[in-house]
Amino acid sequence: MSRTEQGQLDRRRFLSRLGAGTVALVAGFDLVGRQWVAEAADSASFAAVPPLDGTLTFDPDVLAANSRDQGNIVVRRPCAVLRPGSVRDIRKMLAYCSANGIKTAPAGAHHAMFGQPLVSGGLVIEMESLHTIHSIGTDSADIDAGVLWKDLVEAAFRQGLRPASITSYLGTTVGGTLSMGGIGMMSSYRAGAQVDHARKLEVVTGDGRLLQCSGTQNADLFEAALGGLGQCGVITRATVDLVPAKQSARTYRIGYTDVAAFFRDVRILANRGEFDSLGSIPQPGTAQPLTLWATVFHDAGEVPDASYLLRGLSPAAAGAAFEDYGFLDYILLVTRMYDSFAANLGWDAKVKPWLDLFLPDDAVEDFVSSVFPSLTPEDLGPTGFGLIFPMLRSTYGRPLLRLPGSSGGPWVWLVSVLTDSAGPGPDPDFASRMTDRNYRLYQQAAAVGGTRYPHGACPFTQADWQAHYGSMWPRLVTWKNRYDPKGILTPGPGIF
């Protein structure tokens, strides 16, 4: 038997073991036709896929599910989807795709809004199949990249702990937010982003190498992976910081009609550092368009003292109301709201052209005063909303999470316009209007020293990306060439 015939036989046995016939599995890639094929061929143009622990499929339903993200703006259909049974599978397939020039993207929960985890005609790696929490220690957790933050939060809380930085929505994967940055209003205004609390990573590079990295081991890959939008490697495992968790949360709500009073009070509270969460969900066009949410975590028997915590604020604070939650109920507020929208309002199918911007402290008031009163009902939509919250700049240290410079003050502000469409289904005209609006608002922010959190839907040219990364651009190019030499990884953002 020839080597080719033996390879075909081994492949058929492999497919049989996986139950071929019930799932459309891939045998290899046609290098001439540039497409995945189900039947092995005795041809120089056929590249057989390596044996895998998981599955490689081009089942139409699986491809369709990996053609969109939560934004429902960009559609890119892959030709195959890997559901890895092990990190070995990711290594093998990245080496295979690198050798054959096949674009590849890891996908977590598809929570991005503008096609960032999508790839046309190539391979999507579904990371959620790697979802083991390996250990929870006294100050850290060792977890697979496909673990949902919700599952880690709940597991850690059972041991009296929580992640040091927690995003607002917890239905995302660990690897996904570490690749993006990981920010949120619920717990982290003085703690940095989730990328600032990664101790170690396991990363598979674009050419299939498995590397352990940290601040002292393969440090350049460590920095390239954290907030690197998947350009230099696929995070497969991480060690992240945990801190002690309180049992309860009390949230004070204060309504404002005056923008200056709102920012003055938030700065007073932020500088004191006595609250665990500060931020606002603006409601333009209402009697009190800015409402401050200020949350303090506490244990049983500890009663927060409002007169002390809210001392020295503007007269608006006299009308503060509060609500008490168990810690998990508070941390899961946004996640449960999203889940309710998805279950009852067709939210997963809505077009969501979200925009997230970082504004320097010395420019945020004028920006908010200009932008939010001008928003129309279409600019938010029936279940859309805004976000404003402070971030202590000195606690954010990863170079690829681009923040305004320190000359603008010690605080950086996230300002978001989280738009959704009136109903489910594609709406290209609406998406085009809103993404054009997003780019205009980005330009307005950039003119005063602002930057973009690249999770949302804001069309960027390569020149925009170079401006975004600024002094880090040459280093990012070096890292890309070193760790993804064939340029196959995560083409969705259009950086390279």
Protein backbone atom coordinates (compact mmCIF):
# COMPACT_ATOMS: atom_id res chain seq x y z
CA MET A 1 0.00 0.00 0.00
CA SER A 2 1.34 3.44 -0.93
CA ARG A 3 1.83 6.21 1.63
CA THR A 4 -1.02 8.14 -0.01
CA GLU A 5 -3.40 5.15 0.19
CA GLN A 6 -2.43 4.54 3.81
CA GLY A 7 -3.16 8.20 4.61
CA GLN A 8 -6.59 7.95 2.99
CA LEU A 9 -7.37 4.79 4.93
CA ASP A 10 -6.26 6.36 8.21
CA ARG A 11 -8.46 9.37 7.46
CA ARG A 12 -11.49 7.17 6.73
CA ARG A 13 -10.96 5.29 10.00
CA PHE A 14 -10.70 8.61 11.84
CA LEU A 15 -13.94 9.88 10.32
CA SER A 16 -15.64 6.62 11.21
CA ARG A 17 -14.57 6.94 14.85
CA LEU A 18 -16.10 10.45 14.96
CA GLY A 19 -19.38 9.27 13.52
CA ALA A 20 -19.04 10.58 9.97
CA GLY A 21 -22.39 10.66 8.21
CA THR A 22 -24.16 12.45 11.06
CA VAL A 23 -21.96 15.57 10.87
CA ALA A 24 -20.43 17.08 7.74
CA LEU A 25 -16.75 16.57 8.53
CA VAL A 26 -13.78 17.92 6.62
CA ALA A 27 -11.17 15.68 5.00
CA GLY A 28 -8.85 18.39 3.73
CA PHE A 29 -8.32 21.55 1.74
CA ASP A 30 -8.26 21.94 -2.03
CA LEU A 31 -5.29 24.27 -2.59
CA VAL A 32 -6.37 25.13 -6.12
CA GLY A 33 -10.07 25.66 -5.53
CA ARG A 34 -9.29 27.23 -2.11
CA GLN A 35 -12.06 25.31 -0.37
CA TRP A 36 -12.50 22.62 2.26
CA VAL A 37 -13.61 19.24 0.94
CA ALA A 38 -15.22 16.19 2.49
CA GLU A 39 -13.57 13.54 0.34
CA ALA A 40 -9.87 12.76 0.35
CA ALA A 41 -8.24 13.06 -3.05
CA ASP A 42 -5.05 11.61 -4.50
CA SER A 43 -3.92 14.96 -5.86
CA ALA A 44 -1.06 17.36 -5.31
CA SER A 45 -3.66 20.08 -4.73
CA PHE A 46 -5.22 18.21 -1.78
CA ALA A 47 -3.88 18.84 1.72
CA ALA A 48 -5.28 16.28 4.18
CA VAL A 49 -6.12 17.60 7.64
CA PRO A 50 -4.24 16.04 10.57
CA PRO A 51 -6.01 13.62 12.94
CA LEU A 52 -7.85 15.53 15.65
CA ASP A 53 -9.32 14.90 19.09
CA GLY A 54 -12.32 17.10 18.27
CA THR A 55 -14.21 17.75 15.04
CA LEU A 56 -13.62 19.80 11.92
CA THR A 57 -16.91 20.38 10.16
CA PHE A 58 -18.53 22.29 7.37
CA ASP A 59 -22.06 21.49 8.41
CA PRO A 60 -24.24 24.33 7.00
CA ASP A 61 -25.90 25.10 10.33
CA VAL A 62 -22.55 25.31 12.10
CA LEU A 63 -21.15 27.58 9.40
CA ALA A 64 -24.20 29.82 9.60
CA ALA A 65 -23.86 30.11 13.38
CA ASN A 66 -20.26 31.26 12.91
CA SER A 67 -21.05 33.77 10.16
CA ARG A 68 -22.39 36.51 12.45
CA ASP A 69 -21.62 38.07 15.80
CA GLN A 70 -23.83 40.01 18.22
CA GLY A 71 -23.73 43.12 16.06
CA ASN A 72 -25.54 41.47 13.15
CA ILE A 73 -23.89 43.99 10.83
CA VAL A 74 -21.08 42.01 9.22
CA VAL A 75 -21.63 38.58 7.63
CA ARG A 76 -18.57 36.47 6.85
CA ARG A 77 -19.11 32.77 6.20
CA PRO A 78 -16.23 30.44 7.03
CA CYS A 79 -15.68 27.28 5.05
CA ALA A 80 -15.03 25.12 8.11
CA VAL A 81 -15.33 25.22 11.90
CA LEU A 82 -13.02 23.51 14.38
CA ARG A 83 -14.51 22.31 17.63
CA PRO A 84 -11.27 21.42 19.38
CA GLY A 85 -11.12 18.46 21.69
CA SER A 86 -7.74 19.62 22.98
CA VAL A 87 -5.15 22.36 22.65
CA ARG A 88 -3.31 19.90 20.37
CA ASP A 89 -6.09 20.35 17.84
CA ILE A 90 -5.54 24.12 17.80
CA ARG A 91 -1.80 23.66 17.37
CA LYS A 92 -2.25 21.23 14.52
CA MET A 93 -4.83 23.31 12.69
CA LEU A 94 -2.97 26.59 13.05
CA ALA A 95 0.18 24.96 11.70
CA TYR A 96 -1.91 23.46 8.88
CA CYS A 97 -3.62 26.78 8.08
CA SER A 98 -0.32 28.66 8.21
CA ALA A 99 1.29 26.20 5.80
CA ASN A 100 -1.64 26.46 3.39
CA GLY A 101 -2.46 30.16 3.65
CA ILE A 102 -5.89 29.69 5.26
CA LYS A 103 -7.26 32.61 7.28
CA THR A 104 -8.26 31.58 10.80
CA ALA A 105 -10.02 33.22 13.74
CA PRO A 106 -10.80 32.03 17.28
CA ALA A 107 -14.35 32.75 18.41
CA GLY A 108 -15.64 32.77 21.98
CA ALA A 109 -19.22 33.81 22.59
CA HIS A 110 -19.39 35.97 19.42
CA HIS A 111 -20.10 39.02 21.58
CA ALA A 112 -18.21 41.45 19.32
CA MET A 113 -20.26 43.89 17.25
CA PHE A 114 -18.46 44.38 13.93
CA GLY A 115 -17.20 41.06 12.60
CA GLN A 116 -14.04 40.91 14.71
CA PRO A 117 -14.19 37.08 15.23
CA LEU A 118 -15.42 36.28 11.72
CA VAL A 119 -13.51 35.02 8.69
CA SER A 120 -14.60 34.56 5.08
CA GLY A 121 -13.75 31.26 3.46
CA GLY A 122 -11.35 30.12 6.16
CA LEU A 123 -11.48 28.44 9.55
CA VAL A 124 -13.25 29.51 12.76
CA ILE A 125 -12.11 27.88 16.02
CA GLU A 126 -14.96 27.56 18.53
CA MET A 127 -13.15 28.13 21.81
CA GLU A 128 -16.08 27.35 24.12
CA SER A 129 -15.37 23.63 23.77
CA LEU A 130 -12.29 24.22 25.97
CA HIS A 131 -14.05 25.17 29.19
CA THR A 132 -12.28 23.57 32.16
CA ILE A 133 -11.66 25.47 35.39
CA HIS A 134 -8.45 23.70 36.34
CA SER A 135 -8.01 25.19 39.81
CA ILE A 136 -9.08 28.02 42.08
CA GLY A 137 -6.43 29.04 44.60
CA THR A 138 -6.34 31.64 47.33
CA ASP A 139 -5.51 34.46 44.93
CA SER A 140 -5.77 33.16 41.37
CA ALA A 141 -7.59 30.79 39.03
CA ASP A 142 -6.15 28.58 36.29
CA ILE A 143 -8.74 28.28 33.53
CA ASP A 144 -9.23 27.35 29.89
CA ALA A 145 -9.80 30.26 27.53
CA GLY A 146 -13.28 28.98 26.63
CA VAL A 147 -14.58 29.30 30.21
CA LEU A 148 -17.37 31.85 30.54
CA TRP A 149 -16.70 34.60 33.08
CA LYS A 150 -20.11 33.88 34.60
CA ASP A 151 -19.00 30.33 35.43
CA LEU A 152 -15.72 31.53 36.92
CA VAL A 153 -17.43 34.22 38.99
CA GLU A 154 -19.87 31.71 40.44
CA ALA A 155 -17.18 29.08 41.12
CA ALA A 156 -14.86 31.60 42.75
CA PHE A 157 -17.65 33.07 44.87
CA ARG A 158 -18.34 29.65 46.37
CA GLN A 159 -14.82 29.91 47.79
CA GLY A 160 -15.24 33.50 48.99
CA LEU A 161 -13.39 35.01 46.03
CA ARG A 162 -14.03 36.96 42.84
CA PRO A 163 -12.02 38.08 39.81
CA ALA A 164 -10.14 41.31 40.49
CA SER A 165 -11.76 42.97 37.46
CA ILE A 166 -15.22 42.02 36.23
CA THR A 167 -16.86 43.06 32.97
CA SER A 168 -20.48 44.20 32.91
CA TYR A 169 -21.65 41.28 30.75
CA LEU A 170 -20.44 37.86 31.91
CA GLY A 171 -21.61 35.70 29.01
CA THR A 172 -18.21 36.19 27.37
CA THR A 173 -15.20 33.87 27.39
CA VAL A 174 -12.00 34.44 29.30
CA GLY A 175 -9.93 34.31 26.12
CA GLY A 176 -12.28 36.69 24.34
CA THR A 177 -12.09 39.51 26.86
CA LEU A 178 -8.36 39.03 27.44
CA SER A 179 -7.88 39.45 23.70
CA MET A 180 -10.03 42.60 23.70
CA GLY A 181 -9.09 44.16 27.04
CA GLY A 182 -11.95 43.41 29.43
CA ILE A 183 -13.55 46.49 30.96
CA GLY A 184 -16.81 47.06 32.82
CA MET A 185 -18.71 49.26 35.24
CA MET A 186 -19.53 46.63 37.83
CA SER A 187 -16.32 46.42 39.87
CA SER A 188 -13.21 47.80 38.28
CA TYR A 189 -12.97 51.59 38.15
CA ARG A 190 -9.87 51.52 40.38
CA ALA A 191 -8.66 48.00 39.50
CA GLY A 192 -7.61 48.13 35.86
CA ALA A 193 -8.89 45.97 33.04
CA GLN A 194 -9.01 42.19 32.99
CA VAL A 195 -5.81 42.15 30.92
CA ASP A 196 -4.09 43.86 33.86
CA HIS A 197 -4.93 40.85 36.05
CA ALA A 198 -3.64 38.06 33.83
CA ARG A 199 -0.58 36.43 35.45
CA LYS A 200 0.22 33.78 32.88
CA LEU A 201 -1.05 32.71 29.49
CA GLU A 202 -0.81 29.67 27.28
CA VAL A 203 -0.83 30.84 23.67
CA VAL A 204 -0.75 29.03 20.33
CA THR A 205 0.98 31.20 17.75
CA GLY A 206 -0.16 31.63 14.17
CA ASP A 207 2.33 28.99 13.01
CA GLY A 208 1.23 26.42 15.59
CA ARG A 209 3.76 26.82 18.41
CA LEU A 210 2.48 26.38 21.97
CA LEU A 211 4.17 28.88 24.28
CA GLN A 212 3.84 29.69 27.96
CA CYS A 213 4.14 33.39 28.59
CA SER A 214 4.06 35.92 31.41
CA GLY A 215 5.76 39.15 32.37
CA THR A 216 9.06 37.24 32.65
CA GLN A 217 8.67 34.42 30.11
CA ASN A 218 8.08 35.18 26.43
CA ALA A 219 7.09 38.63 27.65
CA ASP A 220 6.64 40.09 24.18
CA LEU A 221 4.02 37.45 23.28
CA PHE A 222 2.36 38.06 26.65
CA GLU A 223 1.93 41.74 25.77
CA ALA A 224 0.97 40.95 22.18
CA ALA A 225 -1.82 38.58 23.27
CA LEU A 226 -3.35 40.78 26.01
CA GLY A 227 -5.60 43.27 24.27
CA GLY A 228 -4.04 42.26 20.95
CA LEU A 229 -7.33 41.40 19.20
CA GLY A 230 -6.09 37.92 18.34
CA GLN A 231 -3.45 39.17 15.89
CA CYS A 232 -0.46 37.21 17.20
CA GLY A 233 -1.84 34.06 18.80
CA VAL A 234 -4.79 32.19 20.25
CA ILE A 235 -5.05 32.29 24.04
CA THR A 236 -5.90 28.75 25.17
CA ARG A 237 -5.39 28.97 28.95
CA ALA A 238 -4.87 31.71 31.52
CA THR A 239 -4.08 32.33 35.16
CA VAL A 240 -6.02 35.36 36.44
CA ASP A 241 -6.06 37.21 39.74
CA LEU A 242 -8.74 36.62 42.37
CA VAL A 243 -9.50 38.79 45.40
CA PRO A 244 -11.73 38.28 48.47
CA ALA A 245 -15.42 38.75 47.75
CA LYS A 246 -17.93 40.53 49.94
CA GLN A 247 -21.35 38.98 50.39
CA SER A 248 -23.62 41.91 49.55
CA ALA A 249 -23.88 45.07 47.46
CA ARG A 250 -25.75 48.33 48.06
CA THR A 251 -26.31 50.61 45.08
CA TYR A 252 -27.16 54.29 45.55
CA ARG A 253 -28.85 56.10 42.66
CA ILE A 254 -28.69 59.88 42.28
CA GLY A 255 -30.37 61.72 39.41
CA TYR A 256 -28.83 64.81 37.81
CA THR A 257 -30.01 67.47 35.40
CA ASP A 258 -26.68 69.32 35.46
CA VAL A 259 -23.70 67.71 33.70
CA ALA A 260 -21.12 69.69 35.69
CA ALA A 261 -22.65 68.62 39.03
CA PHE A 262 -22.68 64.99 37.91
CA PHE A 263 -19.00 64.96 37.00
CA ARG A 264 -18.01 66.91 40.09
CA ASP A 265 -19.74 64.40 42.36
CA VAL A 266 -18.35 61.36 40.51
CA ARG A 267 -14.83 62.75 40.80
CA ILE A 268 -15.27 63.34 44.53
CA LEU A 269 -16.37 59.73 45.05
CA ALA A 270 -13.77 58.31 42.67
CA ASN A 271 -10.91 60.14 44.37
CA ARG A 272 -12.02 58.92 47.80
CA GLY A 273 -12.15 55.31 46.62
CA GLU A 274 -14.81 54.25 49.14
CA PHE A 275 -17.16 52.78 46.54
CA ASP A 276 -16.52 49.63 44.54
CA SER A 277 -18.38 50.70 41.40
CA LEU A 278 -19.25 54.10 39.92
CA GLY A 279 -20.99 54.93 36.69
CA SER A 280 -24.05 56.11 34.85
CA ILE A 281 -26.54 54.75 32.35
CA PRO A 282 -27.64 58.03 30.70
CA GLN A 283 -31.25 58.50 29.63
CA PRO A 284 -31.28 61.40 27.16
CA GLY A 285 -34.55 63.32 26.93
CA THR A 286 -35.72 62.48 30.46
CA ALA A 287 -36.09 64.79 33.44
CA GLN A 288 -32.85 63.48 34.91
CA PRO A 289 -30.72 62.42 31.93
CA LEU A 290 -27.73 61.43 34.08
CA THR A 291 -28.15 58.99 36.95
CA LEU A 292 -25.17 58.04 39.09
CA TRP A 293 -24.98 54.43 40.23
CA ALA A 294 -22.60 54.11 43.17
CA THR A 295 -22.18 50.63 44.67
CA VAL A 296 -20.39 49.52 47.80
CA PHE A 297 -19.73 45.86 48.61
CA HIS A 298 -20.14 44.75 52.21
CA ASP A 299 -20.56 41.68 54.41
CA ALA A 300 -23.45 40.66 56.64
CA GLY A 301 -23.69 42.88 59.69
CA GLU A 302 -22.02 45.81 57.93
CA VAL A 303 -24.50 48.58 57.20
CA PRO A 304 -23.26 51.23 54.74
CA ASP A 305 -23.63 54.77 56.10
CA ALA A 306 -25.11 56.97 53.38
CA SER A 307 -24.51 60.21 55.24
CA TYR A 308 -20.79 59.37 55.38
CA LEU A 309 -20.39 57.85 51.92
CA LEU A 310 -22.25 60.68 50.16
CA ARG A 311 -20.84 63.54 52.23
CA GLY A 312 -19.93 66.76 50.49
CA LEU A 313 -21.82 66.06 47.27
CA SER A 314 -24.15 68.40 45.40
CA PRO A 315 -27.77 68.92 46.57
CA ALA A 316 -28.88 66.20 44.13
CA ALA A 317 -27.43 63.60 46.51
CA ALA A 318 -30.08 64.44 49.09
CA GLY A 319 -32.54 62.49 46.95
CA ALA A 320 -30.39 59.38 46.75
CA ALA A 321 -32.27 56.08 46.82
CA PHE A 322 -30.62 52.73 47.38
CA GLU A 323 -31.21 49.08 46.58
CA ASP A 324 -29.62 46.03 48.21
CA TYR A 325 -28.45 42.90 46.41
CA GLY A 326 -26.61 39.74 47.14
CA PHE A 327 -23.17 40.00 45.54
CA LEU A 328 -23.89 37.54 42.73
CA ASP A 329 -27.28 39.12 42.01
CA TYR A 330 -25.57 42.50 41.62
CA ILE A 331 -22.69 41.24 39.48
CA LEU A 332 -25.14 39.38 37.22
CA LEU A 333 -27.56 42.33 36.75
CA VAL A 334 -26.39 43.19 33.24
CA THR A 335 -25.99 39.55 32.20
CA ARG A 336 -29.55 38.73 33.27
CA MET A 337 -30.85 41.83 31.52
CA TYR A 338 -29.17 40.72 28.27
CA ASP A 339 -30.52 37.20 28.71
CA SER A 340 -34.03 38.59 29.24
CA PHE A 341 -33.76 40.72 26.10
CA ALA A 342 -32.59 37.67 24.15
CA ALA A 343 -35.44 35.50 25.46
CA ASN A 344 -38.25 38.01 25.01
CA LEU A 345 -37.34 40.74 22.54
CA GLY A 346 -35.49 39.00 19.72
CA TRP A 347 -32.39 40.84 20.93
CA ASP A 348 -29.86 38.38 19.53
CA ALA A 349 -31.16 39.09 16.02
CA LYS A 350 -31.18 42.88 16.36
CA VAL A 351 -28.61 45.09 14.67
CA LYS A 352 -26.37 46.54 17.39
CA PRO A 353 -23.96 49.21 16.14
CA TRP A 354 -22.35 49.87 19.51
CA LEU A 355 -19.65 52.46 20.10
CA ASP A 356 -17.20 52.57 23.03
CA LEU A 357 -14.83 55.51 23.45
CA PHE A 358 -12.24 56.51 26.03
CA LEU A 359 -12.19 60.24 26.83
CA PRO A 360 -9.54 62.08 28.84
CA ASP A 361 -10.71 63.65 32.08
CA ASP A 362 -10.21 67.20 30.83
CA ALA A 363 -12.45 66.66 27.77
CA VAL A 364 -15.22 64.32 28.90
CA GLU A 365 -17.70 66.93 30.19
CA ASP A 366 -17.76 68.89 26.93
CA PHE A 367 -18.02 65.66 24.92
CA VAL A 368 -20.97 64.34 26.96
CA SER A 369 -22.66 67.76 26.95
CA SER A 370 -22.36 67.86 23.16
CA VAL A 371 -23.21 64.25 22.27
CA PHE A 372 -25.92 62.94 24.57
CA PRO A 373 -28.48 65.76 24.18
CA SER A 374 -28.19 65.33 20.41
CA LEU A 375 -29.04 61.61 20.41
CA THR A 376 -32.34 60.76 18.75
CA PRO A 377 -34.63 57.82 19.59
CA GLU A 378 -33.03 55.97 16.66
CA ASP A 379 -29.56 56.61 18.09
CA LEU A 380 -30.37 54.40 21.07
CA GLY A 381 -33.28 52.22 20.02
CA PRO A 382 -35.89 50.53 22.20
CA THR A 383 -33.44 48.59 24.37
CA GLY A 384 -30.24 50.53 23.72
CA PHE A 385 -28.56 52.67 26.35
CA GLY A 386 -25.50 54.74 27.13
CA LEU A 387 -22.70 54.18 29.60
CA ILE A 388 -20.37 56.61 31.36
CA PHE A 389 -17.87 55.55 34.00
CA PRO A 390 -14.45 56.57 35.28
CA MET A 391 -11.27 54.48 35.16
CA LEU A 392 -8.14 55.24 37.17
CA ARG A 393 -5.59 55.50 34.42
CA SER A 394 -2.60 54.41 36.52
CA THR A 395 -4.15 50.96 37.04
CA TYR A 396 -4.31 50.25 33.27
CA GLY A 397 -0.92 49.10 32.04
CA ARG A 398 -1.21 46.86 28.98
CA PRO A 399 0.26 48.66 25.96
CA LEU A 400 -2.23 47.41 23.36
CA LEU A 401 -5.27 48.60 25.31
CA ARG A 402 -5.02 52.16 24.01
CA LEU A 403 -6.05 54.87 26.47
CA PRO A 404 -5.78 58.66 26.35
CA GLY A 405 -2.47 60.08 27.53
CA SER A 406 -1.85 60.89 31.18
CA SER A 407 -1.63 64.63 30.45
CA GLY A 408 -5.44 64.72 30.32
CA GLY A 409 -5.72 63.92 34.03
CA PRO A 410 -5.65 60.87 36.32
CA TRP A 411 -9.04 59.60 35.19
CA VAL A 412 -10.09 58.16 31.85
CA TRP A 413 -13.80 57.88 31.08
CA LEU A 414 -15.56 55.22 29.08
CA VAL A 415 -18.38 56.83 27.11
CA SER A 416 -20.56 54.38 25.19
CA VAL A 417 -23.57 54.65 22.92
CA LEU A 418 -25.03 51.14 22.82
CA THR A 419 -27.54 51.32 19.99
CA ASP A 420 -29.95 48.64 18.84
CA SER A 421 -32.41 48.46 15.96
CA ALA A 422 -36.16 48.73 16.33
CA GLY A 423 -36.68 45.09 15.38
CA PRO A 424 -34.81 41.88 14.61
CA GLY A 425 -33.36 41.05 11.24
CA PRO A 426 -30.88 42.63 8.85
CA ASP A 427 -31.14 46.40 8.28
CA PRO A 428 -28.21 47.53 6.12
CA ASP A 429 -29.40 51.15 5.84
CA PHE A 430 -29.72 51.52 9.60
CA ALA A 431 -26.36 49.85 10.14
CA SER A 432 -24.71 52.16 7.63
CA ARG A 433 -26.17 55.31 9.20
CA MET A 434 -25.15 54.27 12.69
CA THR A 435 -21.62 53.13 11.82
CA ASP A 436 -21.10 56.43 9.96
CA ARG A 437 -22.31 58.21 13.10
CA ASN A 438 -19.92 56.13 15.19
CA TYR A 439 -16.97 57.13 13.05
CA ARG A 440 -17.92 60.80 13.33
CA LEU A 441 -18.12 60.52 17.12
CA TYR A 442 -14.78 58.69 17.16
CA GLN A 443 -13.20 61.52 15.17
CA GLN A 444 -14.71 64.05 17.57
CA ALA A 445 -13.24 62.13 20.53
CA ALA A 446 -9.84 61.67 18.85
CA ALA A 447 -9.62 65.42 18.25
CA VAL A 448 -9.57 66.00 22.03
CA GLY A 449 -7.22 63.10 22.85
CA GLY A 450 -9.77 60.28 23.02
CA THR A 451 -9.31 56.69 21.85
CA ARG A 452 -11.53 53.76 20.96
CA TYR A 453 -12.25 50.48 22.72
CA PRO A 454 -12.36 48.26 19.63
CA HIS A 455 -15.24 46.02 20.68
CA GLY A 456 -17.90 48.07 18.91
CA ALA A 457 -18.91 48.93 15.36
CA CYS A 458 -16.69 51.70 14.07
CA PRO A 459 -15.23 51.32 10.56
CA PHE A 460 -11.45 51.74 10.61
CA THR A 461 -9.02 51.94 7.71
CA GLN A 462 -5.48 50.64 8.13
CA ALA A 463 -4.41 54.27 8.55
CA ASP A 464 -6.91 54.58 11.42
CA TRP A 465 -5.45 51.48 13.04
CA GLN A 466 -1.94 52.87 12.76
CA ALA A 467 -3.10 56.10 14.39
CA HIS A 468 -4.91 54.07 17.05
CA TYR A 469 -1.77 52.18 18.04
CA GLY A 470 0.46 55.22 17.69
CA SER A 471 3.92 54.59 19.09
CA MET A 472 3.05 50.89 19.57
CA TRP A 473 2.44 50.32 15.85
CA PRO A 474 6.03 49.35 14.89
CA ARG A 475 6.18 46.93 17.82
CA LEU A 476 2.84 45.36 16.90
CA VAL A 477 4.06 44.86 13.33
CA THR A 478 7.21 43.15 14.67
CA TRP A 479 5.14 40.89 16.92
CA LYS A 480 2.78 40.03 14.06
CA ASN A 481 5.66 39.04 11.81
CA ARG A 482 7.28 37.00 14.58
CA TYR A 483 4.26 35.08 15.83
CA ASP A 484 1.98 34.99 12.79
CA PRO A 485 4.48 35.01 9.92
CA LYS A 486 1.93 34.01 7.25
CA GLY A 487 -0.61 36.59 8.45
CA ILE A 488 -3.49 34.15 8.85
CA LEU A 489 -4.84 35.14 12.27
CA THR A 490 -8.04 37.08 12.98
CA PRO A 491 -8.51 39.16 9.82
CA GLY A 492 -11.89 40.53 10.98
CA PRO A 493 -10.71 43.87 12.43
CA GLY A 494 -8.79 44.70 9.23
CA ILE A 495 -5.65 45.81 11.07
CA PHE A 496 -3.14 44.35 8.59
